[in-house]
C-alpha atoms as a PDB file:
ATOM      1  CA  UNK A   1      18.953  15.717  -2.793  1.00  0.00           C
ATOM      2  CA  UNK A   2      15.850  13.521  -2.963  1.00  0.00           C
ATOM      3  CA  UNK A   3      12.349  14.788  -3.630  1.00  0.00           C
ATOM      4  CA  UNK A   4       8.857  13.333  -3.562  1.00  0.00           C
ATOM      5  CA  UNK A   5       7.799  12.607  -7.152  1.00  0.00           C
ATOM      6  CA  UNK A   6       4.729  10.430  -6.546  1.00  0.00           C
ATOM      7  CA  UNK A   7       2.137  10.113  -3.778  1.00  0.00           C
ATOM      8  CA  UNK A   8      -0.451   7.322  -3.790  1.00  0.00           C
ATOM      9  CA  UNK A   9      -2.993   6.103  -1.303  1.00  0.00           C
ATOM     10  CA  UNK A  10      -5.206   3.031  -1.472  1.00  0.00           C
ATOM     11  CA  UNK A  11      -8.559   3.569   0.278  1.00  0.00           C
ATOM     12  CA  UNK A  12      -9.590  -0.086  -0.119  1.00  0.00           C
ATOM     13  CA  UNK A  13      -6.885  -2.600   0.664  1.00  0.00           C
ATOM     14  CA  UNK A  14      -5.860  -4.493  -2.473  1.00  0.00           C
ATOM     15  CA  UNK A  15      -7.757  -2.208  -4.857  1.00  0.00           C
ATOM     16  CA  UNK A  16      -6.408   0.463  -7.202  1.00  0.00           C
ATOM     17  CA  UNK A  17      -4.588   3.444  -5.787  1.00  0.00           C
ATOM     18  CA  UNK A  18      -5.253   7.158  -6.083  1.00  0.00           C
ATOM     19  CA  UNK A  19      -2.468   9.524  -7.138  1.00  0.00           C
ATOM     20  CA  UNK A  20      -2.308  12.843  -5.328  1.00  0.00           C
ATOM     21  CA  UNK A  21      -0.343  16.071  -5.681  1.00  0.00           C
ATOM     22  CA  UNK A  22      -0.533  16.544  -1.925  1.00  0.00           C
ATOM     23  CA  UNK A  23      -2.071  14.669   0.971  1.00  0.00           C
ATOM     24  CA  UNK A  24      -2.456  14.894   4.734  1.00  0.00           C
ATOM     25  CA  UNK A  25      -0.162  12.506   6.571  1.00  0.00           C
ATOM     26  CA  UNK A  26      -1.785  11.009   9.665  1.00  0.00           C
ATOM     27  CA  UNK A  27      -0.208   8.704  12.264  1.00  0.00           C
ATOM     28  CA  UNK A  28      -1.677   5.797  10.244  1.00  0.00           C
ATOM     29  CA  UNK A  29      -0.222   7.005   6.910  1.00  0.00           C
ATOM     30  CA  UNK A  30      -1.604   9.071   4.040  1.00  0.00           C
ATOM     31  CA  UNK A  31      -5.207  10.047   4.778  1.00  0.00           C
ATOM     32  CA  UNK A  32      -7.692   7.250   3.962  1.00  0.00           C
ATOM     33  CA  UNK A  33      -4.947   4.755   3.078  1.00  0.00           C
ATOM     34  CA  UNK A  34      -6.191   1.176   3.579  1.00  0.00           C
ATOM     35  CA  UNK A  35      -9.069   2.380   5.726  1.00  0.00           C
ATOM     36  CA  UNK A  36     -11.383  -0.158   4.037  1.00  0.00           C
ATOM     37  CA  UNK A  37     -10.896  -3.860   3.434  1.00  0.00           C
ATOM     38  CA  UNK A  38     -12.715  -6.468   1.370  1.00  0.00           C
ATOM     39  CA  UNK A  39     -13.312  -9.657   3.339  1.00  0.00           C
ATOM     40  CA  UNK A  40     -14.925 -13.017   2.785  1.00  0.00           C
ATOM     41  CA  UNK A  41     -18.266 -13.797   4.396  1.00  0.00           C
ATOM     42  CA  UNK A  42     -16.211 -15.294   7.240  1.00  0.00           C
ATOM     43  CA  UNK A  43     -14.369 -11.994   7.723  1.00  0.00           C
ATOM     44  CA  UNK A  44     -11.026 -13.074   6.246  1.00  0.00           C
ATOM     45  CA  UNK A  45      -9.194 -10.378   4.277  1.00  0.00           C
ATOM     46  CA  UNK A  46      -9.049 -10.577   0.498  1.00  0.00           C
ATOM     47  CA  UNK A  47      -5.785  -9.837  -1.290  1.00  0.00           C
ATOM     48  CA  UNK A  48      -4.506  -9.733  -4.845  1.00  0.00           C
ATOM     49  CA  UNK A  49      -2.466 -12.787  -3.967  1.00  0.00           C
ATOM     50  CA  UNK A  50      -5.673 -14.821  -4.214  1.00  0.00           C
ATOM     51  CA  UNK A  51      -8.087 -12.329  -5.799  1.00  0.00           C
ATOM     52  CA  UNK A  52      -6.139 -10.390  -8.450  1.00  0.00           C
ATOM     53  CA  UNK A  53      -9.358  -8.809  -9.767  1.00  0.00           C
ATOM     54  CA  UNK A  54      -9.221  -6.483  -6.772  1.00  0.00           C
ATOM     55  CA  UNK A  55      -6.789  -4.461  -8.891  1.00  0.00           C
ATOM     56  CA  UNK A  56      -9.522  -3.386 -11.348  1.00  0.00           C
ATOM     57  CA  UNK A  57     -11.700  -1.883  -8.591  1.00  0.00           C
ATOM     58  CA  UNK A  58     -11.065   1.858  -8.454  1.00  0.00           C
ATOM     59  CA  UNK A  59     -12.163   3.624  -5.279  1.00  0.00           C
ATOM     60  CA  UNK A  60     -12.715   7.353  -4.847  1.00  0.00           C
ATOM     61  CA  UNK A  61     -13.297   8.913  -1.476  1.00  0.00           C
ATOM     62  CA  UNK A  62     -14.260  12.433  -0.461  1.00  0.00           C
ATOM     63  CA  UNK A  63     -11.735  14.445   1.529  1.00  0.00           C
ATOM     64  CA  UNK A  64     -13.865  14.156   4.655  1.00  0.00           C
ATOM     65  CA  UNK A  65     -14.073  10.374   4.229  1.00  0.00           C
ATOM     66  CA  UNK A  66     -17.872  10.412   4.339  1.00  0.00           C
ATOM     67  CA  UNK A  67     -18.625   9.121   0.829  1.00  0.00           C
ATOM     68  CA  UNK A  68     -16.991   6.290  -1.130  1.00  0.00           C
ATOM     69  CA  UNK A  69     -17.358   5.435  -4.814  1.00  0.00           C
ATOM     70  CA  UNK A  70     -16.357   2.081  -6.286  1.00  0.00           C
ATOM     71  CA  UNK A  71     -15.841   1.628 -10.032  1.00  0.00           C
ATOM     72  CA  UNK A  72     -14.964  -1.414 -12.138  1.00  0.00           C
ATOM     73  CA  UNK A  73     -15.129  -2.299 -15.842  1.00  0.00           C
ATOM     74  CA  UNK A  74     -18.470  -3.623 -17.046  1.00  0.00           C
ATOM     75  CA  UNK A  75     -20.549  -2.521 -14.062  1.00  0.00           C
ATOM     76  CA  UNK A  76     -22.223   0.627 -12.805  1.00  0.00           C
ATOM     77  CA  UNK A  77     -20.392   2.749 -10.271  1.00  0.00           C
ATOM     78  CA  UNK A  78     -21.462   2.337  -6.670  1.00  0.00           C
ATOM     79  CA  UNK A  79     -21.813   5.474  -4.523  1.00  0.00           C
ATOM     80  CA  UNK A  80     -22.607   5.306  -0.837  1.00  0.00           C
ATOM     81  CA  UNK A  81     -22.241   7.051   2.487  1.00  0.00           C
ATOM     82  CA  UNK A  82     -19.595   5.530   4.731  1.00  0.00           C
ATOM     83  CA  UNK A  83     -20.802   3.995   7.985  1.00  0.00           C
ATOM     84  CA  UNK A  84     -18.466   4.865  10.865  1.00  0.00           C
ATOM     85  CA  UNK A  85     -20.803   4.095  13.759  1.00  0.00           C
ATOM     86  CA  UNK A  86     -22.247   0.655  13.000  1.00  0.00           C
ATOM     87  CA  UNK A  87     -21.738  -2.555  14.913  1.00  0.00           C
ATOM     88  CA  UNK A  88     -18.208  -3.906  15.005  1.00  0.00           C
ATOM     89  CA  UNK A  89     -17.425  -7.354  13.690  1.00  0.00           C
ATOM     90  CA  UNK A  90     -14.327  -9.482  13.904  1.00  0.00           C
ATOM     91  CA  UNK A  91     -12.087  -9.536  10.809  1.00  0.00           C
ATOM     92  CA  UNK A  92      -8.935 -11.497  10.107  1.00  0.00           C
ATOM     93  CA  UNK A  93      -5.790  -9.906   8.660  1.00  0.00           C
ATOM     94  CA  UNK A  94      -2.836 -12.304   8.356  1.00  0.00           C
ATOM     95  CA  UNK A  95      -4.247 -14.394  11.161  1.00  0.00           C
ATOM     96  CA  UNK A  96      -4.614 -11.466  13.573  1.00  0.00           C
ATOM     97  CA  UNK A  97      -8.085 -10.469  14.748  1.00  0.00           C
ATOM     98  CA  UNK A  98      -9.180  -6.855  14.304  1.00  0.00           C
ATOM     99  CA  UNK A  99     -12.531  -5.087  14.222  1.00  0.00           C
ATOM    100  CA  UNK A 100     -14.344  -3.707  11.180  1.00  0.00           C
ATOM    101  CA  UNK A 101     -17.557  -1.802  10.508  1.00  0.00           C
ATOM    102  CA  UNK A 102     -19.561  -3.554   7.803  1.00  0.00           C
ATOM    103  CA  UNK A 103     -20.629  -1.218   4.969  1.00  0.00           C
ATOM    104  CA  UNK A 104     -23.871  -3.020   4.143  1.00  0.00           C
ATOM    105  CA  UNK A 105     -25.443  -5.420   1.677  1.00  0.00           C
ATOM    106  CA  UNK A 106     -25.370  -3.135  -1.369  1.00  0.00           C
ATOM    107  CA  UNK A 107     -21.580  -2.807  -1.216  1.00  0.00           C
ATOM    108  CA  UNK A 108     -21.283  -6.523  -0.465  1.00  0.00           C
ATOM    109  CA  UNK A 109     -23.376  -7.496  -3.501  1.00  0.00           C
ATOM    110  CA  UNK A 110     -21.441  -5.133  -5.797  1.00  0.00           C
ATOM    111  CA  UNK A 111     -18.084  -6.533  -4.699  1.00  0.00           C
ATOM    112  CA  UNK A 112     -19.311 -10.121  -4.877  1.00  0.00           C
ATOM    113  CA  UNK A 113     -20.331  -9.623  -8.507  1.00  0.00           C
ATOM    114  CA  UNK A 114     -17.049  -7.988  -9.518  1.00  0.00           C
ATOM    115  CA  UNK A 115     -14.834 -10.486  -7.682  1.00  0.00           C
ATOM    116  CA  UNK A 116     -17.042 -13.506  -8.459  1.00  0.00           C
ATOM    117  CA  UNK A 117     -16.827 -14.532  -4.823  1.00  0.00           C
ATOM    118  CA  UNK A 118     -19.062 -13.651  -1.881  1.00  0.00           C
ATOM    119  CA  UNK A 119     -17.488 -10.617  -0.230  1.00  0.00           C
ATOM    120  CA  UNK A 120     -18.177  -7.797   2.172  1.00  0.00           C
ATOM    121  CA  UNK A 121     -16.603  -4.397   2.783  1.00  0.00           C
ATOM    122  CA  UNK A 122     -15.497  -3.204   6.210  1.00  0.00           C
ATOM    123  CA  UNK A 123     -14.055   0.054   7.481  1.00  0.00           C
ATOM    124  CA  UNK A 124     -11.472   0.576  10.189  1.00  0.00           C
ATOM    125  CA  UNK A 125     -13.287   1.715  13.356  1.00  0.00           C
ATOM    126  CA  UNK A 126     -12.162   4.993  14.958  1.00  0.00           C
ATOM    127  CA  UNK A 127     -10.782   3.096  17.971  1.00  0.00           C
ATOM    128  CA  UNK A 128      -8.653   0.759  15.775  1.00  0.00           C
ATOM    129  CA  UNK A 129      -5.444   1.360  17.790  1.00  0.00           C
ATOM    130  CA  UNK A 130      -3.272  -1.095  15.864  1.00  0.00           C
ATOM    131  CA  UNK A 131       0.425  -1.161  16.795  1.00  0.00           C
ATOM    132  CA  UNK A 132       2.818  -2.017  13.968  1.00  0.00           C
ATOM    133  CA  UNK A 133       6.198  -3.661  14.382  1.00  0.00           C
ATOM    134  CA  UNK A 134       9.727  -3.037  13.127  1.00  0.00           C
ATOM    135  CA  UNK A 135      12.639  -0.848  14.153  1.00  0.00           C
ATOM    136  CA  UNK A 136      10.249   2.095  14.635  1.00  0.00           C
ATOM    137  CA  UNK A 137       6.795   1.077  15.894  1.00  0.00           C
ATOM    138  CA  UNK A 138       3.739   2.957  14.718  1.00  0.00           C
ATOM    139  CA  UNK A 139       0.175   2.380  13.616  1.00  0.00           C
ATOM    140  CA  UNK A 140      -1.743   1.802  10.383  1.00  0.00           C
ATOM    141  CA  UNK A 141      -5.182   0.912   9.097  1.00  0.00           C
ATOM    142  CA  UNK A 142      -5.502  -2.359   7.191  1.00  0.00           C
ATOM    143  CA  UNK A 143      -2.090  -2.081   5.495  1.00  0.00           C
ATOM    144  CA  UNK A 144      -0.042  -5.275   5.440  1.00  0.00           C
ATOM    145  CA  UNK A 145       2.108  -3.820   8.198  1.00  0.00           C
ATOM    146  CA  UNK A 146       3.397  -0.253   8.529  1.00  0.00           C
ATOM    147  CA  UNK A 147       1.891   3.108   7.684  1.00  0.00           C
ATOM    148  CA  UNK A 148       4.031   3.971   4.648  1.00  0.00           C
ATOM    149  CA  UNK A 149       5.766   2.108   1.852  1.00  0.00           C
ATOM    150  CA  UNK A 150       8.628   4.146   0.343  1.00  0.00           C
ATOM    151  CA  UNK A 151      10.496   3.318  -2.883  1.00  0.00           C
ATOM    152  CA  UNK A 152      13.043   5.349  -4.846  1.00  0.00           C
ATOM    153  CA  UNK A 153      13.111   5.620  -8.622  1.00  0.00           C
ATOM    154  CA  UNK A 154      16.734   4.475  -8.682  1.00  0.00           C
ATOM    155  CA  UNK A 155      15.627   1.238  -7.013  1.00  0.00           C
ATOM    156  CA  UNK A 156      13.145   0.552  -9.815  1.00  0.00           C
ATOM    157  CA  UNK A 157      15.623   1.644 -12.482  1.00  0.00           C
ATOM    158  CA  UNK A 158      18.133  -0.956 -11.277  1.00  0.00           C
ATOM    159  CA  UNK A 159      15.489  -3.678 -11.412  1.00  0.00           C
ATOM    160  CA  UNK A 160      14.446  -2.655 -14.916  1.00  0.00           C
ATOM    161  CA  UNK A 161      18.065  -2.755 -16.107  1.00  0.00           C
ATOM    162  CA  UNK A 162      18.364  -6.284 -14.758  1.00  0.00           C
ATOM    163  CA  UNK A 163      15.063  -7.267 -16.379  1.00  0.00           C
ATOM    164  CA  UNK A 164      16.306  -5.891 -19.699  1.00  0.00           C
ATOM    165  CA  UNK A 165      19.483  -7.950 -19.408  1.00  0.00           C
ATOM    166  CA  UNK A 166      17.274 -11.044 -19.153  1.00  0.00           C
ATOM    167  CA  UNK A 167      15.187  -9.996 -22.151  1.00  0.00           C
ATOM    168  CA  UNK A 168      12.187  -9.112 -19.984  1.00  0.00           C
ATOM    169  CA  UNK A 169      10.071  -5.966 -20.241  1.00  0.00           C
ATOM    170  CA  UNK A 170      10.447  -3.111 -17.753  1.00  0.00           C
ATOM    171  CA  UNK A 171       7.819  -2.776 -15.050  1.00  0.00           C
ATOM    172  CA  UNK A 172       5.963   0.323 -13.854  1.00  0.00           C
ATOM    173  CA  UNK A 173       6.215   1.519 -10.270  1.00  0.00           C
ATOM    174  CA  UNK A 174       2.571   0.609  -9.604  1.00  0.00           C
ATOM    175  CA  UNK A 175       3.502  -3.092  -9.513  1.00  0.00           C
ATOM    176  CA  UNK A 176       4.920  -2.333  -6.073  1.00  0.00           C
ATOM    177  CA  UNK A 177       2.047  -0.161  -4.800  1.00  0.00           C
ATOM    178  CA  UNK A 178       4.157   2.403  -2.898  1.00  0.00           C
ATOM    179  CA  UNK A 179       2.792   5.366  -0.985  1.00  0.00           C
ATOM    180  CA  UNK A 180       5.771   7.656  -1.554  1.00  0.00           C
ATOM    181  CA  UNK A 181       8.186   7.548  -4.497  1.00  0.00           C
ATOM    182  CA  UNK A 182      11.432   9.513  -4.140  1.00  0.00           C
ATOM    183  CA  UNK A 183      13.828  10.612  -6.865  1.00  0.00           C
ATOM    184  CA  UNK A 184      17.327  12.054  -6.577  1.00  0.00           C
ATOM    185  CA  UNK A 185      19.268   9.270  -4.878  1.00  0.00           C
ATOM    186  CA  UNK A 186      21.914   7.952  -7.269  1.00  0.00           C
ATOM    187  CA  UNK A 187      22.331   4.775  -5.234  1.00  0.00           C
ATOM    188  CA  UNK A 188      19.533   2.195  -5.586  1.00  0.00           C
ATOM    189  CA  UNK A 189      17.883   0.996  -2.379  1.00  0.00           C
ATOM    190  CA  UNK A 190      19.013   4.017  -0.374  1.00  0.00           C
ATOM    191  CA  UNK A 191      15.612   3.800   1.356  1.00  0.00           C
ATOM    192  CA  UNK A 192      16.919   0.639   3.060  1.00  0.00           C
ATOM    193  CA  UNK A 193      19.422   2.756   4.992  1.00  0.00           C
ATOM    194  CA  UNK A 194      17.396   5.886   5.724  1.00  0.00           C
ATOM    195  CA  UNK A 195      16.473   5.782   9.413  1.00  0.00           C
ATOM    196  CA  UNK A 196      14.797   9.192   9.717  1.00  0.00           C
ATOM    197  CA  UNK A 197      13.351  11.205   6.821  1.00  0.00           C
ATOM    198  CA  UNK A 198      11.939  14.716   7.091  1.00  0.00           C
ATOM    199  CA  UNK A 199       9.461  15.679   4.348  1.00  0.00           C
ATOM    200  CA  UNK A 200       7.941  19.141   4.696  1.00  0.00           C
ATOM    201  CA  UNK A 201       6.653  19.380   8.259  1.00  0.00           C
ATOM    202  CA  UNK A 202       6.433  15.596   8.656  1.00  0.00           C
ATOM    203  CA  UNK A 203       8.945  13.024   9.858  1.00  0.00           C
ATOM    204  CA  UNK A 204       9.184   9.315   9.075  1.00  0.00           C
ATOM    205  CA  UNK A 205      10.977   6.574  10.997  1.00  0.00           C
ATOM    206  CA  UNK A 206      12.318   3.433   9.333  1.00  0.00           C
ATOM    207  CA  UNK A 207      10.541   0.265  10.418  1.00  0.00           C
ATOM    208  CA  UNK A 208      11.713  -2.578   8.152  1.00  0.00           C
ATOM    209  CA  UNK A 209      12.347  -3.781   4.639  1.00  0.00           C
ATOM    210  CA  UNK A 210       9.318  -4.332   2.419  1.00  0.00           C
ATOM    211  CA  UNK A 211       9.165  -8.069   1.732  1.00  0.00           C
ATOM    212  CA  UNK A 212       7.521  -8.759  -1.612  1.00  0.00           C
ATOM    213  CA  UNK A 213       4.906 -11.329  -2.524  1.00  0.00           C
ATOM    214  CA  UNK A 214       2.839 -12.510  -5.486  1.00  0.00           C
ATOM    215  CA  UNK A 215       0.986  -9.173  -5.698  1.00  0.00           C
ATOM    216  CA  UNK A 216       3.992  -7.906  -7.700  1.00  0.00           C
ATOM    217  CA  UNK A 217       3.086 -10.451 -10.407  1.00  0.00           C
ATOM    218  CA  UNK A 218      -0.300  -8.816 -11.040  1.00  0.00           C
ATOM    219  CA  UNK A 219      -0.724  -6.232 -13.814  1.00  0.00           C
ATOM    220  CA  UNK A 220      -2.459  -3.447 -11.927  1.00  0.00           C
ATOM    221  CA  UNK A 221      -4.405  -2.160 -14.927  1.00  0.00           C
ATOM    222  CA  UNK A 222      -5.939  -5.511 -15.934  1.00  0.00           C
ATOM    223  CA  UNK A 223      -5.911  -7.541 -12.735  1.00  0.00           C
ATOM    224  CA  UNK A 224      -4.185 -10.402 -14.588  1.00  0.00           C
ATOM    225  CA  UNK A 225      -1.218 -12.368 -13.288  1.00  0.00           C
ATOM    226  CA  UNK A 226       1.646 -11.747 -15.672  1.00  0.00           C
ATOM    227  CA  UNK A 227       4.267 -14.418 -14.975  1.00  0.00           C
ATOM    228  CA  UNK A 228       7.387 -14.829 -12.848  1.00  0.00           C
ATOM    229  CA  UNK A 229       8.692 -11.251 -12.951  1.00  0.00           C
ATOM    230  CA  UNK A 230       9.776  -9.350 -10.995  1.00  0.00           C
ATOM    231  CA  UNK A 231      10.226 -11.966  -8.268  1.00  0.00           C
ATOM    232  CA  UNK A 232      12.452 -14.200 -10.408  1.00  0.00           C
ATOM    233  CA  UNK A 233      14.940 -11.403 -11.076  1.00  0.00           C
ATOM    234  CA  UNK A 234      14.733  -9.891  -7.587  1.00  0.00           C
ATOM    235  CA  UNK A 235      15.531 -13.294  -6.089  1.00  0.00           C
ATOM    236  CA  UNK A 236      18.961 -13.054  -7.671  1.00  0.00           C
ATOM    237  CA  UNK A 237      20.065  -9.965  -5.735  1.00  0.00           C
ATOM    238  CA  UNK A 238      17.477  -8.949  -3.106  1.00  0.00           C
ATOM    239  CA  UNK A 239      17.109 -11.911  -0.743  1.00  0.00           C
ATOM    240  CA  UNK A 240      16.778 -10.605   2.800  1.00  0.00           C
ATOM    241  CA  UNK A 241      18.828 -12.104   5.608  1.00  0.00           C
ATOM    242  CA  UNK A 242      15.643 -12.820   7.591  1.00  0.00           C
ATOM    243  CA  UNK A 243      13.975 -14.453   4.571  1.00  0.00           C
ATOM    244  CA  UNK A 244      11.943 -13.241   1.623  1.00  0.00           C
ATOM    245  CA  UNK A 245      12.664 -10.836  -1.231  1.00  0.00           C
ATOM    246  CA  UNK A 246      12.968  -7.139  -0.339  1.00  0.00           C
ATOM    247  CA  UNK A 247      12.095  -4.133  -2.489  1.00  0.00           C
ATOM    248  CA  UNK A 248      11.466  -0.772  -0.866  1.00  0.00           C
ATOM    249  CA  UNK A 249      11.106  -0.011   2.823  1.00  0.00           C
ATOM    250  CA  UNK A 250       8.347   0.491   5.366  1.00  0.00           C
ATOM    251  CA  UNK A 251       8.181   3.560   7.575  1.00  0.00           C
ATOM    252  CA  UNK A 252       6.202   4.693  10.599  1.00  0.00           C
ATOM    253  CA  UNK A 253       4.945   8.253  10.993  1.00  0.00           C
ATOM    254  CA  UNK A 254       6.833  10.125  13.711  1.00  0.00           C
ATOM    255  CA  UNK A 255       5.274  13.523  13.012  1.00  0.00           C
ATOM    256  CA  UNK A 256       2.051  14.028  11.071  1.00  0.00           C
ATOM    257  CA  UNK A 257       1.379  16.960   8.742  1.00  0.00           C
ATOM    258  CA  UNK A 258       1.103  17.320   4.970  1.00  0.00           C
ATOM    259  CA  UNK A 259       3.277  16.002   2.159  1.00  0.00           C
ATOM    260  CA  UNK A 260       3.358  17.229  -1.431  1.00  0.00           C
ATOM    261  CA  UNK A 261       4.905  16.191  -4.706  1.00  0.00           C
ATOM    262  CA  UNK A 262       8.048  18.290  -5.015  1.00  0.00           C
ATOM    263  CA  UNK A 263       8.834  18.288  -1.289  1.00  0.00           C
ATOM    264  CA  UNK A 264      12.452  17.663  -0.436  1.00  0.00           C
ATOM    265  CA  UNK A 265      13.130  14.437   1.491  1.00  0.00           C
ATOM    266  CA  UNK A 266      15.918  15.124   3.984  1.00  0.00           C
ATOM    267  CA  UNK A 267      17.512  12.094   5.629  1.00  0.00           C
ATOM    268  CA  UNK A 268      18.549  13.084   9.145  1.00  0.00           C
ATOM    269  CA  UNK A 269      19.849   9.651  10.173  1.00  0.00           C
ATOM    270  CA  UNK A 270      21.323   6.776   8.184  1.00  0.00           C
ATOM    271  CA  UNK A 271      22.011   3.164   9.149  1.00  0.00           C
ATOM    272  CA  UNK A 272      23.132  -0.122   7.642  1.00  0.00           C
ATOM    273  CA  UNK A 273      20.770  -2.064   5.382  1.00  0.00           C
ATOM    274  CA  UNK A 274      19.033  -5.054   6.990  1.00  0.00           C
ATOM    275  CA  UNK A 275      19.246  -6.992   3.714  1.00  0.00           C
END
């Protein structure tokens, strides 16, 4: 039996996450997940791959999504009302054009100072309508791809055993920035094979493996790049057949509702791993 042991959502793409005991699950993922994005002045998305200091920015958002707070070491907190009706502007996410609602000069100046690069903040417009790919299509805000990233504790435990064998330090789960962490599966990477998961009154559909990048090299507390792990070790046993290094799985939302820490995760359909 697997259960939900951690829930996290990331209001601003690339910035710190928020842990929750329970959260509404919308068709686009946990409520408010990646509903904002930091972009360059040209509208190109910023990511920890190039801007690791995003990790030290800690957002807080009200349940109704109307007010956002941004915090970072060495600077005053920024509080402001979210604009959901302003003019749309073109933004670029992995080379695909989307629309965003600019959140104004005050937020832009605050982010530019923290990141030491001219930046602006945009919000997903209500009519976003993005269609995500994979075995089960769905939608999401400004996430890299699908609505939910799911990882099991046994998957991380296997990696940490392999790191220990190489004399490297274990890594926390936040290096992988999951939305849902499950515990109770004895077999690592069982999330690769789960095709349908029922959690409470919600249902998830498997989309694809989560292919990892240089974000996993960033210490999430400090925003500093920390060396070759975990990608060096993962490369030895988690190379995907379609290319890249896989850790965790992406899921679409088949039925919205509410998820809570402690909920049982019931797999109603299994399949073969795509690794």
